[in-house]
Amino acid sequence: SALPDSSGVTHYEYIVLPSGVSAGLTLDKSTASVAHGSTTQLTATTTPAGGHVLWGTSDPSKATVDASGLVTGVAAGQAVVTAYFGGLTASCTVTVT
């Protein structure tokens, strides 16, 4: 079994891009609000397109995130949801109400 790091990620995937190709990662939101028990979708865009993104949360007792970037509010407070791709990260601060 794998133990999560401080961001909640249990594994990393490393990719080697062809020479001259740069990796990129952006999220559609830098902040989001979600009610307890409700969900909000985060969308990651990668360069090259279609890259495999891993997701993690700083506090799963406040908000969880699944493999597709769907965030679920667990309890009132804040958590930082982070997308990982090609050694890059992009984050969204999620407030659970």
C-alpha atoms as a PDB file:
ATOM      1  CA  SER A   1       0.000   0.000   0.000  1.00  0.00           C
ATOM      2  CA  ALA A   2       1.089   3.589  -0.539  1.00  0.00           C
ATOM      3  CA  LEU A   3       0.909   6.337   2.058  1.00  0.00           C
ATOM      4  CA  PRO A   4      -0.204   9.780   0.842  1.00  0.00           C
ATOM      5  CA  ASP A   5       2.166  12.728   0.871  1.00  0.00           C
ATOM      6  CA  SER A   6       1.188  16.068   2.453  1.00  0.00           C
ATOM      7  CA  SER A   7      -1.073  16.799  -0.546  1.00  0.00           C
ATOM      8  CA  GLY A   8      -2.877  13.461  -0.338  1.00  0.00           C
ATOM      9  CA  VAL A   9      -1.194  11.984  -3.411  1.00  0.00           C
ATOM     10  CA  THR A  10      -0.164   8.334  -3.146  1.00  0.00           C
ATOM     11  CA  HIS A  11       1.840   8.130  -6.382  1.00  0.00           C
ATOM     12  CA  TYR A  12       3.319  10.250  -9.149  1.00  0.00           C
ATOM     13  CA  GLU A  13       3.563   9.579 -12.845  1.00  0.00           C
ATOM     14  CA  TYR A  14       6.569  10.909 -14.736  1.00  0.00           C
ATOM     15  CA  ILE A  15       6.521  11.387 -18.470  1.00  0.00           C
ATOM     16  CA  VAL A  16       9.241  12.093 -20.990  1.00  0.00           C
ATOM     17  CA  LEU A  17       8.209  14.518 -23.693  1.00  0.00           C
ATOM     18  CA  PRO A  18       9.765  14.596 -27.137  1.00  0.00           C
ATOM     19  CA  SER A  19      12.527  17.141 -27.645  1.00  0.00           C
ATOM     20  CA  GLY A  20      11.144  20.639 -28.146  1.00  0.00           C
ATOM     21  CA  VAL A  21       7.765  19.906 -26.517  1.00  0.00           C
ATOM     22  CA  SER A  22       6.950  21.672 -23.254  1.00  0.00           C
ATOM     23  CA  ALA A  23       4.515  20.383 -20.661  1.00  0.00           C
ATOM     24  CA  GLY A  24       1.710  22.633 -19.470  1.00  0.00           C
ATOM     25  CA  LEU A  25      -1.072  22.380 -16.918  1.00  0.00           C
ATOM     26  CA  THR A  26      -3.922  24.761 -16.107  1.00  0.00           C
ATOM     27  CA  LEU A  27      -7.152  24.488 -14.119  1.00  0.00           C
ATOM     28  CA  ASP A  28     -10.420  26.144 -15.087  1.00  0.00           C
ATOM     29  CA  LYS A  29     -10.792  27.573 -11.548  1.00  0.00           C
ATOM     30  CA  SER A  30      -8.361  28.883  -8.932  1.00  0.00           C
ATOM     31  CA  THR A  31     -11.091  29.102  -6.268  1.00  0.00           C
ATOM     32  CA  ALA A  32     -14.370  27.261  -5.884  1.00  0.00           C
ATOM     33  CA  SER A  33     -17.185  26.979  -3.374  1.00  0.00           C
ATOM     34  CA  VAL A  34     -19.212  23.846  -2.744  1.00  0.00           C
ATOM     35  CA  ALA A  35     -21.899  23.019  -0.187  1.00  0.00           C
ATOM     36  CA  HIS A  36     -21.463  20.143   2.240  1.00  0.00           C
ATOM     37  CA  GLY A  37     -22.508  16.961   0.414  1.00  0.00           C
ATOM     38  CA  SER A  38     -22.496  18.625  -3.002  1.00  0.00           C
ATOM     39  CA  THR A  39     -19.969  18.467  -5.834  1.00  0.00           C
ATOM     40  CA  THR A  40     -18.172  20.751  -8.241  1.00  0.00           C
ATOM     41  CA  GLN A  41     -16.130  19.730 -11.267  1.00  0.00           C
ATOM     42  CA  LEU A  42     -12.576  20.962 -11.823  1.00  0.00           C
ATOM     43  CA  THR A  43     -11.211  20.667 -15.341  1.00  0.00           C
ATOM     44  CA  ALA A  44      -7.491  20.414 -16.054  1.00  0.00           C
ATOM     45  CA  THR A  45      -6.034  21.258 -19.448  1.00  0.00           C
ATOM     46  CA  THR A  46      -2.684  19.712 -20.332  1.00  0.00           C
ATOM     47  CA  THR A  47      -0.038  20.382 -22.953  1.00  0.00           C
ATOM     48  CA  PRO A  48       0.321  18.117 -24.783  1.00  0.00           C
ATOM     49  CA  ALA A  49      -3.454  17.693 -24.873  1.00  0.00           C
ATOM     50  CA  GLY A  50      -5.047  14.645 -23.292  1.00  0.00           C
ATOM     51  CA  GLY A  51      -2.366  14.088 -20.637  1.00  0.00           C
ATOM     52  CA  HIS A  52      -3.125  11.901 -17.624  1.00  0.00           C
ATOM     53  CA  VAL A  53      -3.750  14.135 -14.587  1.00  0.00           C
ATOM     54  CA  LEU A  54      -3.495  12.959 -10.985  1.00  0.00           C
ATOM     55  CA  TRP A  55      -5.509  14.719  -8.281  1.00  0.00           C
ATOM     56  CA  GLY A  56      -4.989  15.286  -4.562  1.00  0.00           C
ATOM     57  CA  THR A  57      -6.502  17.252  -1.690  1.00  0.00           C
ATOM     58  CA  SER A  58      -4.774  18.935   1.224  1.00  0.00           C
ATOM     59  CA  ASP A  59      -7.556  17.987   3.651  1.00  0.00           C
ATOM     60  CA  PRO A  60      -9.835  15.056   2.780  1.00  0.00           C
ATOM     61  CA  SER A  61     -11.828  15.738   5.946  1.00  0.00           C
ATOM     62  CA  LYS A  62     -13.022  18.980   4.254  1.00  0.00           C
ATOM     63  CA  ALA A  63     -13.116  18.048   0.537  1.00  0.00           C
ATOM     64  CA  THR A  64     -12.333  14.970  -1.519  1.00  0.00           C
ATOM     65  CA  VAL A  65     -11.448  14.729  -5.202  1.00  0.00           C
ATOM     66  CA  ASP A  66     -11.803  11.759  -7.523  1.00  0.00           C
ATOM     67  CA  ALA A  67      -9.692  10.702 -10.501  1.00  0.00           C
ATOM     68  CA  SER A  68     -11.695  12.934 -12.871  1.00  0.00           C
ATOM     69  CA  GLY A  69     -11.418  16.136 -10.776  1.00  0.00           C
ATOM     70  CA  LEU A  70     -14.890  15.913  -9.216  1.00  0.00           C
ATOM     71  CA  VAL A  71     -14.696  17.623  -5.813  1.00  0.00           C
ATOM     72  CA  THR A  72     -17.107  16.667  -3.030  1.00  0.00           C
ATOM     73  CA  GLY A  73     -17.687  18.891  -0.003  1.00  0.00           C
ATOM     74  CA  VAL A  74     -17.280  16.841   3.186  1.00  0.00           C
ATOM     75  CA  ALA A  75     -17.329  19.413   6.012  1.00  0.00           C
ATOM     76  CA  ALA A  76     -17.242  23.201   6.374  1.00  0.00           C
ATOM     77  CA  GLY A  77     -13.793  24.697   5.853  1.00  0.00           C
ATOM     78  CA  GLN A  78     -11.148  24.887   3.134  1.00  0.00           C
ATOM     79  CA  ALA A  79      -8.965  22.451   1.253  1.00  0.00           C
ATOM     80  CA  VAL A  80      -6.555  22.930  -1.617  1.00  0.00           C
ATOM     81  CA  VAL A  81      -7.189  20.565  -4.512  1.00  0.00           C
ATOM     82  CA  THR A  82      -4.119  20.028  -6.681  1.00  0.00           C
ATOM     83  CA  ALA A  83      -3.736  18.604 -10.168  1.00  0.00           C
ATOM     84  CA  TYR A  84      -0.417  16.953 -11.091  1.00  0.00           C
ATOM     85  CA  PHE A  85       0.931  16.414 -14.619  1.00  0.00           C
ATOM     86  CA  GLY A  86       4.440  16.015 -15.975  1.00  0.00           C
ATOM     87  CA  GLY A  87       6.120  17.414 -12.867  1.00  0.00           C
ATOM     88  CA  LEU A  88       3.784  20.427 -12.869  1.00  0.00           C
ATOM     89  CA  THR A  89       1.038  21.341 -10.411  1.00  0.00           C
ATOM     90  CA  ALA A  90      -2.034  23.565 -10.543  1.00  0.00           C
ATOM     91  CA  SER A  91      -4.224  24.242  -7.508  1.00  0.00           C
ATOM     92  CA  CYS A  92      -7.702  25.394  -6.591  1.00  0.00           C
ATOM     93  CA  THR A  93      -8.699  26.539  -3.104  1.00  0.00           C
ATOM     94  CA  VAL A  94     -12.073  24.970  -2.323  1.00  0.00           C
ATOM     95  CA  THR A  95     -14.328  26.437   0.347  1.00  0.00           C
ATOM     96  CA  VAL A  96     -16.944  24.050   1.729  1.00  0.00           C
ATOM     97  CA  THR A  97     -20.030  25.716   3.189  1.00  0.00           C
END
